[in-house]
Amino acid sequence: MNLKQIGLMLGLLVSIQIQAQYSAYDWEDRDTWMKTTSLLAKAGVEIGDSVADIGCHEGYLSMHLARKVSTSGRVYSVDVRDDRLATLRRNANDRGFTNIVTILGDYDDPKLPDNTLDHVFVIDTYHEIRAHKKVLGHIRKALKKGGGLMVMEKLKKKVRGKSREDQVDAHSLSMGYVRKELELAGFEIVDQINDHGLWEREADKQMWVLFAIKP
């Protein structure tokens, strides 16, 4: 086999791997360890709601939300990478969802419509948001009065009790830091889950969840 043939074969394998990564079958396990159905029920998402998925990646949560809010609702899927949004649009099309709007956001602005949303979800993404004060301000502006914000993160054992900077560098964050930041941004914490299980079932990555509202 010559180098050109090897290159074509590798390209095909990568293509197959990417397609499989974004299939519904490969998301089924995440449904279990993330307890997605119970999270959406606890957040209070209903048919007809307008919701946002910030840091949507290829659309795992967005697909769940699109099904939950049904055709009378709307999902705003936000990411800073257009390639991820393109994949999300293909996933939505394959699954027949027409109620998803993709938004190419900035690192300090998710570009959500004002006073429109019933719920905003930030799943395993908050630790990536360096301009969290600005982003929280935009989220608060986008939510209706009484609208909900759910933040889910993982805290790795190796950075437990360390500074915010150390935790973020490890792609992790503790509930304490986020709770204070939400309150300073004008949100009211209404519930929390201290131990939501293990992210991807990895023993050093404990999930936690915060539920807040715009008063």
C-alpha atoms as a PDB file:
ATOM      1  CA  MET A   1       0.000   0.000   0.000  1.00  0.00           C
ATOM      2  CA  ASN A   2       1.526   3.348  -1.031  1.00  0.00           C
ATOM      3  CA  LEU A   3       1.453   6.574   0.996  1.00  0.00           C
ATOM      4  CA  LYS A   4      -1.511   7.969  -0.936  1.00  0.00           C
ATOM      5  CA  GLN A   5      -3.567   4.848  -0.228  1.00  0.00           C
ATOM      6  CA  ILE A   6      -2.597   4.938   3.438  1.00  0.00           C
ATOM      7  CA  GLY A   7      -3.658   8.593   3.628  1.00  0.00           C
ATOM      8  CA  LEU A   8      -7.029   7.833   2.050  1.00  0.00           C
ATOM      9  CA  MET A   9      -7.571   4.940   4.449  1.00  0.00           C
ATOM     10  CA  LEU A  10      -6.735   7.069   7.498  1.00  0.00           C
ATOM     11  CA  GLY A  11      -9.071   9.795   6.272  1.00  0.00           C
ATOM     12  CA  LEU A  12     -11.888   7.283   5.903  1.00  0.00           C
ATOM     13  CA  LEU A  13     -11.304   5.918   9.407  1.00  0.00           C
ATOM     14  CA  VAL A  14     -11.343   9.419  10.897  1.00  0.00           C
ATOM     15  CA  SER A  15     -14.548  10.216   9.007  1.00  0.00           C
ATOM     16  CA  ILE A  16     -16.231   7.064  10.324  1.00  0.00           C
ATOM     17  CA  GLN A  17     -15.062   7.811  13.869  1.00  0.00           C
ATOM     18  CA  ILE A  18     -16.453  11.358  13.747  1.00  0.00           C
ATOM     19  CA  GLN A  19     -19.795  10.167  12.420  1.00  0.00           C
ATOM     20  CA  ALA A  20     -20.017   7.555  15.187  1.00  0.00           C
ATOM     21  CA  GLN A  21     -19.101  10.085  17.862  1.00  0.00           C
ATOM     22  CA  TYR A  22     -22.152  12.154  16.969  1.00  0.00           C
ATOM     23  CA  SER A  23     -24.644   9.286  16.685  1.00  0.00           C
ATOM     24  CA  ALA A  24     -27.598   8.839  19.011  1.00  0.00           C
ATOM     25  CA  TYR A  25     -26.249   5.398  19.956  1.00  0.00           C
ATOM     26  CA  ASP A  26     -23.048   6.892  21.386  1.00  0.00           C
ATOM     27  CA  TRP A  27     -25.063   9.386  23.439  1.00  0.00           C
ATOM     28  CA  GLU A  28     -27.146   6.731  25.177  1.00  0.00           C
ATOM     29  CA  ASP A  29     -24.487   6.032  27.804  1.00  0.00           C
ATOM     30  CA  ARG A  30     -24.259   9.743  28.612  1.00  0.00           C
ATOM     31  CA  ASP A  31     -28.012   9.776  29.224  1.00  0.00           C
ATOM     32  CA  THR A  32     -27.358   7.319  32.035  1.00  0.00           C
ATOM     33  CA  TRP A  33     -24.320   8.742  33.821  1.00  0.00           C
ATOM     34  CA  MET A  34     -25.464  12.361  33.437  1.00  0.00           C
ATOM     35  CA  LYS A  35     -29.056  11.484  34.444  1.00  0.00           C
ATOM     36  CA  THR A  36     -30.220  13.870  31.746  1.00  0.00           C
ATOM     37  CA  THR A  37     -33.942  13.137  31.920  1.00  0.00           C
ATOM     38  CA  SER A  38     -34.102  13.806  35.658  1.00  0.00           C
ATOM     39  CA  LEU A  39     -32.044  16.987  35.294  1.00  0.00           C
ATOM     40  CA  LEU A  40     -34.403  18.471  32.717  1.00  0.00           C
ATOM     41  CA  ALA A  41     -37.401  17.491  34.841  1.00  0.00           C
ATOM     42  CA  LYS A  42     -35.841  19.109  37.916  1.00  0.00           C
ATOM     43  CA  ALA A  43     -35.105  22.254  35.910  1.00  0.00           C
ATOM     44  CA  GLY A  44     -38.783  22.422  34.988  1.00  0.00           C
ATOM     45  CA  VAL A  45     -38.485  22.469  31.198  1.00  0.00           C
ATOM     46  CA  GLU A  46     -41.920  22.249  29.575  1.00  0.00           C
ATOM     47  CA  ILE A  47     -43.494  22.083  26.131  1.00  0.00           C
ATOM     48  CA  GLY A  48     -43.445  25.503  24.481  1.00  0.00           C
ATOM     49  CA  ASP A  49     -40.500  26.858  26.477  1.00  0.00           C
ATOM     50  CA  SER A  50     -37.685  28.897  24.942  1.00  0.00           C
ATOM     51  CA  VAL A  51     -34.345  27.624  26.191  1.00  0.00           C
ATOM     52  CA  ALA A  52     -30.632  28.071  25.540  1.00  0.00           C
ATOM     53  CA  ASP A  53     -27.753  25.592  25.533  1.00  0.00           C
ATOM     54  CA  ILE A  54     -24.511  27.537  26.002  1.00  0.00           C
ATOM     55  CA  GLY A  55     -21.438  25.575  24.949  1.00  0.00           C
ATOM     56  CA  CYS A  56     -23.617  23.223  22.937  1.00  0.00           C
ATOM     57  CA  HIS A  57     -20.783  21.464  21.065  1.00  0.00           C
ATOM     58  CA  GLU A  58     -22.288  18.918  18.643  1.00  0.00           C
ATOM     59  CA  GLY A  59     -25.721  19.186  20.239  1.00  0.00           C
ATOM     60  CA  TYR A  60     -26.158  16.433  22.805  1.00  0.00           C
ATOM     61  CA  LEU A  61     -28.221  18.528  25.233  1.00  0.00           C
ATOM     62  CA  SER A  62     -29.792  20.613  22.469  1.00  0.00           C
ATOM     63  CA  MET A  63     -31.390  17.484  20.998  1.00  0.00           C
ATOM     64  CA  HIS A  64     -32.877  16.563  24.374  1.00  0.00           C
ATOM     65  CA  LEU A  65     -34.155  20.111  24.820  1.00  0.00           C
ATOM     66  CA  ALA A  66     -35.632  20.224  21.318  1.00  0.00           C
ATOM     67  CA  ARG A  67     -37.607  17.073  22.057  1.00  0.00           C
ATOM     68  CA  LYS A  68     -38.673  18.366  25.478  1.00  0.00           C
ATOM     69  CA  VAL A  69     -39.969  21.800  24.365  1.00  0.00           C
ATOM     70  CA  SER A  70     -41.529  20.274  21.225  1.00  0.00           C
ATOM     71  CA  THR A  71     -42.418  22.137  18.044  1.00  0.00           C
ATOM     72  CA  SER A  72     -44.048  25.022  19.922  1.00  0.00           C
ATOM     73  CA  GLY A  73     -40.801  25.746  21.785  1.00  0.00           C
ATOM     74  CA  ARG A  74     -37.382  26.910  20.683  1.00  0.00           C
ATOM     75  CA  VAL A  75     -33.793  25.984  21.499  1.00  0.00           C
ATOM     76  CA  TYR A  76     -30.967  28.502  21.074  1.00  0.00           C
ATOM     77  CA  SER A  77     -27.757  26.505  20.709  1.00  0.00           C
ATOM     78  CA  VAL A  78     -24.650  28.609  21.315  1.00  0.00           C
ATOM     79  CA  ASP A  79     -21.020  27.806  20.659  1.00  0.00           C
ATOM     80  CA  VAL A  80     -17.895  29.779  19.732  1.00  0.00           C
ATOM     81  CA  ARG A  81     -16.919  27.277  17.020  1.00  0.00           C
ATOM     82  CA  ASP A  82     -18.832  27.256  13.770  1.00  0.00           C
ATOM     83  CA  ASP A  83     -17.690  23.720  12.911  1.00  0.00           C
ATOM     84  CA  ARG A  84     -19.467  22.403  15.993  1.00  0.00           C
ATOM     85  CA  LEU A  85     -22.603  24.314  15.052  1.00  0.00           C
ATOM     86  CA  ALA A  86     -22.465  22.883  11.538  1.00  0.00           C
ATOM     87  CA  THR A  87     -22.339  19.382  13.010  1.00  0.00           C
ATOM     88  CA  LEU A  88     -25.226  20.237  15.330  1.00  0.00           C
ATOM     89  CA  ARG A  89     -27.320  21.407  12.389  1.00  0.00           C
ATOM     90  CA  ARG A  90     -26.667  18.106  10.602  1.00  0.00           C
ATOM     91  CA  ASN A  91     -27.619  16.192  13.741  1.00  0.00           C
ATOM     92  CA  ALA A  92     -30.816  18.222  14.121  1.00  0.00           C
ATOM     93  CA  ASN A  93     -31.706  17.677  10.466  1.00  0.00           C
ATOM     94  CA  ASP A  94     -31.079  13.927  10.740  1.00  0.00           C
ATOM     95  CA  ARG A  95     -33.421  13.785  13.739  1.00  0.00           C
ATOM     96  CA  GLY A  96     -36.087  16.003  12.199  1.00  0.00           C
ATOM     97  CA  PHE A  97     -35.774  18.890  14.667  1.00  0.00           C
ATOM     98  CA  THR A  98     -36.800  22.256  13.218  1.00  0.00           C
ATOM     99  CA  ASN A  99     -36.983  24.183  16.504  1.00  0.00           C
ATOM    100  CA  ILE A 100     -33.234  24.704  17.005  1.00  0.00           C
ATOM    101  CA  VAL A 101     -31.542  28.038  16.253  1.00  0.00           C
ATOM    102  CA  THR A 102     -27.737  27.972  16.197  1.00  0.00           C
ATOM    103  CA  ILE A 103     -25.793  31.031  17.370  1.00  0.00           C
ATOM    104  CA  LEU A 104     -22.078  31.671  16.859  1.00  0.00           C
ATOM    105  CA  GLY A 105     -21.324  33.421  20.127  1.00  0.00           C
ATOM    106  CA  ASP A 106     -18.336  35.422  21.302  1.00  0.00           C
ATOM    107  CA  TYR A 107     -16.218  34.396  24.275  1.00  0.00           C
ATOM    108  CA  ASP A 108     -17.795  37.201  26.318  1.00  0.00           C
ATOM    109  CA  ASP A 109     -21.279  37.273  24.746  1.00  0.00           C
ATOM    110  CA  PRO A 110     -23.583  34.341  23.878  1.00  0.00           C
ATOM    111  CA  LYS A 111     -25.666  36.727  21.720  1.00  0.00           C
ATOM    112  CA  LEU A 112     -29.000  35.581  23.076  1.00  0.00           C
ATOM    113  CA  PRO A 113     -32.236  37.528  22.500  1.00  0.00           C
ATOM    114  CA  ASP A 114     -33.272  39.802  25.373  1.00  0.00           C
ATOM    115  CA  ASN A 115     -36.037  38.846  27.818  1.00  0.00           C
ATOM    116  CA  THR A 116     -36.933  35.728  25.843  1.00  0.00           C
ATOM    117  CA  LEU A 117     -35.742  32.609  27.648  1.00  0.00           C
ATOM    118  CA  ASP A 118     -37.432  30.397  30.203  1.00  0.00           C
ATOM    119  CA  HIS A 119     -34.258  28.400  30.922  1.00  0.00           C
ATOM    120  CA  VAL A 120     -30.532  28.573  30.200  1.00  0.00           C
ATOM    121  CA  PHE A 121     -28.214  25.569  30.516  1.00  0.00           C
ATOM    122  CA  VAL A 122     -24.431  25.739  30.903  1.00  0.00           C
ATOM    123  CA  ILE A 123     -23.167  22.147  31.002  1.00  0.00           C
ATOM    124  CA  ASP A 124     -19.448  21.424  31.532  1.00  0.00           C
ATOM    125  CA  THR A 125     -18.725  24.821  29.990  1.00  0.00           C
ATOM    126  CA  TYR A 126     -18.690  27.405  32.759  1.00  0.00           C
ATOM    127  CA  HIS A 127     -15.046  26.643  33.610  1.00  0.00           C
ATOM    128  CA  GLU A 128     -14.135  27.647  30.034  1.00  0.00           C
ATOM    129  CA  ILE A 129     -15.784  31.069  30.335  1.00  0.00           C
ATOM    130  CA  ARG A 130     -13.055  33.524  31.319  1.00  0.00           C
ATOM    131  CA  ALA A 131     -15.320  36.588  31.072  1.00  0.00           C
ATOM    132  CA  HIS A 132     -17.903  35.046  33.392  1.00  0.00           C
ATOM    133  CA  LYS A 133     -19.145  38.396  34.739  1.00  0.00           C
ATOM    134  CA  LYS A 134     -20.031  39.643  31.268  1.00  0.00           C
ATOM    135  CA  VAL A 135     -21.528  36.335  30.185  1.00  0.00           C
ATOM    136  CA  LEU A 136     -23.683  36.066  33.307  1.00  0.00           C
ATOM    137  CA  GLY A 137     -24.884  39.605  32.679  1.00  0.00           C
ATOM    138  CA  HIS A 138     -25.943  38.646  29.152  1.00  0.00           C
ATOM    139  CA  ILE A 139     -27.670  35.501  30.423  1.00  0.00           C
ATOM    140  CA  ARG A 140     -29.581  37.461  33.045  1.00  0.00           C
ATOM    141  CA  LYS A 141     -30.668  39.949  30.383  1.00  0.00           C
ATOM    142  CA  ALA A 142     -31.848  37.125  28.106  1.00  0.00           C
ATOM    143  CA  LEU A 143     -33.940  35.384  30.775  1.00  0.00           C
ATOM    144  CA  LYS A 144     -37.524  36.273  31.528  1.00  0.00           C
ATOM    145  CA  LYS A 145     -38.326  37.259  35.086  1.00  0.00           C
ATOM    146  CA  GLY A 146     -38.339  34.042  37.085  1.00  0.00           C
ATOM    147  CA  GLY A 147     -36.397  32.252  34.348  1.00  0.00           C
ATOM    148  CA  GLY A 148     -33.988  29.529  35.382  1.00  0.00           C
ATOM    149  CA  LEU A 149     -30.255  28.979  34.970  1.00  0.00           C
ATOM    150  CA  MET A 150     -28.717  25.548  35.460  1.00  0.00           C
ATOM    151  CA  VAL A 151     -24.941  25.140  35.717  1.00  0.00           C
ATOM    152  CA  MET A 152     -23.383  21.684  35.839  1.00  0.00           C
ATOM    153  CA  GLU A 153     -19.663  21.191  36.319  1.00  0.00           C
ATOM    154  CA  LYS A 154     -17.165  18.561  37.358  1.00  0.00           C
ATOM    155  CA  LEU A 155     -14.654  18.970  40.186  1.00  0.00           C
ATOM    156  CA  LYS A 156     -11.497  16.919  39.857  1.00  0.00           C
ATOM    157  CA  LYS A 157     -10.011  15.500  43.043  1.00  0.00           C
ATOM    158  CA  LYS A 158      -6.513  16.786  42.274  1.00  0.00           C
ATOM    159  CA  VAL A 159      -7.658  20.447  42.367  1.00  0.00           C
ATOM    160  CA  ARG A 160     -10.206  20.232  45.171  1.00  0.00           C
ATOM    161  CA  GLY A 161      -9.633  23.155  47.573  1.00  0.00           C
ATOM    162  CA  LYS A 162      -7.239  24.918  45.185  1.00  0.00           C
ATOM    163  CA  SER A 163      -7.554  28.387  43.667  1.00  0.00           C
ATOM    164  CA  ARG A 164     -10.051  29.171  40.941  1.00  0.00           C
ATOM    165  CA  GLU A 165      -7.183  29.599  38.476  1.00  0.00           C
ATOM    166  CA  ASP A 166      -5.718  26.181  39.315  1.00  0.00           C
ATOM    167  CA  GLN A 167      -9.108  24.547  38.930  1.00  0.00           C
ATOM    168  CA  VAL A 168      -9.840  26.235  35.591  1.00  0.00           C
ATOM    169  CA  ASP A 169      -6.410  25.245  34.272  1.00  0.00           C
ATOM    170  CA  ALA A 170      -7.431  21.645  35.027  1.00  0.00           C
ATOM    171  CA  HIS A 171     -10.748  22.119  33.149  1.00  0.00           C
ATOM    172  CA  SER A 172     -12.624  21.892  36.416  1.00  0.00           C
ATOM    173  CA  LEU A 173     -14.405  24.164  38.911  1.00  0.00           C
ATOM    174  CA  SER A 174     -15.948  23.913  42.360  1.00  0.00           C
ATOM    175  CA  MET A 175     -19.497  24.816  43.258  1.00  0.00           C
ATOM    176  CA  GLY A 176     -18.402  27.408  45.820  1.00  0.00           C
ATOM    177  CA  TYR A 177     -16.779  29.707  43.260  1.00  0.00           C
ATOM    178  CA  VAL A 178     -19.713  29.517  40.861  1.00  0.00           C
ATOM    179  CA  ARG A 179     -22.336  30.006  43.565  1.00  0.00           C
ATOM    180  CA  LYS A 180     -20.713  33.284  44.663  1.00  0.00           C
ATOM    181  CA  GLU A 181     -20.411  34.470  41.061  1.00  0.00           C
ATOM    182  CA  LEU A 182     -24.059  33.761  40.309  1.00  0.00           C
ATOM    183  CA  GLU A 183     -25.187  35.627  43.407  1.00  0.00           C
ATOM    184  CA  LEU A 184     -22.971  38.611  42.578  1.00  0.00           C
ATOM    185  CA  ALA A 185     -24.520  38.651  39.081  1.00  0.00           C
ATOM    186  CA  GLY A 186     -28.002  39.015  40.598  1.00  0.00           C
ATOM    187  CA  PHE A 187     -29.190  35.405  40.490  1.00  0.00           C
ATOM    188  CA  GLU A 188     -30.979  33.651  43.324  1.00  0.00           C
ATOM    189  CA  ILE A 189     -29.828  30.105  44.083  1.00  0.00           C
ATOM    190  CA  VAL A 190     -32.874  27.896  44.541  1.00  0.00           C
ATOM    191  CA  ASP A 191     -31.392  24.395  44.648  1.00  0.00           C
ATOM    192  CA  GLN A 192     -28.190  22.422  44.290  1.00  0.00           C
ATOM    193  CA  ILE A 193     -26.919  18.883  43.877  1.00  0.00           C
ATOM    194  CA  ASN A 194     -23.593  18.431  45.628  1.00  0.00           C
ATOM    195  CA  ASP A 195     -22.871  15.009  44.157  1.00  0.00           C
ATOM    196  CA  HIS A 196     -24.541  14.205  40.844  1.00  0.00           C
ATOM    197  CA  GLY A 197     -22.274  11.259  40.162  1.00  0.00           C
ATOM    198  CA  LEU A 198     -19.095  10.863  38.132  1.00  0.00           C
ATOM    199  CA  TRP A 199     -18.463  12.607  34.830  1.00  0.00           C
ATOM    200  CA  GLU A 200     -18.004   9.887  32.211  1.00  0.00           C
ATOM    201  CA  ARG A 201     -17.836   7.485  35.178  1.00  0.00           C
ATOM    202  CA  GLU A 202     -14.261   8.629  35.932  1.00  0.00           C
ATOM    203  CA  ALA A 203     -13.543   8.330  39.652  1.00  0.00           C
ATOM    204  CA  ASP A 204     -11.707  11.663  39.940  1.00  0.00           C
ATOM    205  CA  LYS A 205     -14.447  13.811  38.324  1.00  0.00           C
ATOM    206  CA  GLN A 206     -17.409  14.499  40.607  1.00  0.00           C
ATOM    207  CA  MET A 207     -20.352  16.324  39.034  1.00  0.00           C
ATOM    208  CA  TRP A 208     -22.336  19.018  40.838  1.00  0.00           C
ATOM    209  CA  VAL A 209     -25.315  21.105  39.757  1.00  0.00           C
ATOM    210  CA  LEU A 210     -26.618  24.565  40.665  1.00  0.00           C
ATOM    211  CA  PHE A 211     -30.135  25.816  39.940  1.00  0.00           C
ATOM    212  CA  ALA A 212     -30.725  29.575  39.999  1.00  0.00           C
ATOM    213  CA  ILE A 213     -33.406  32.016  38.888  1.00  0.00           C
ATOM    214  CA  LYS A 214     -33.597  35.596  37.733  1.00  0.00           C
ATOM    215  CA  PRO A 215     -35.670  37.254  40.514  1.00  0.00           C
END
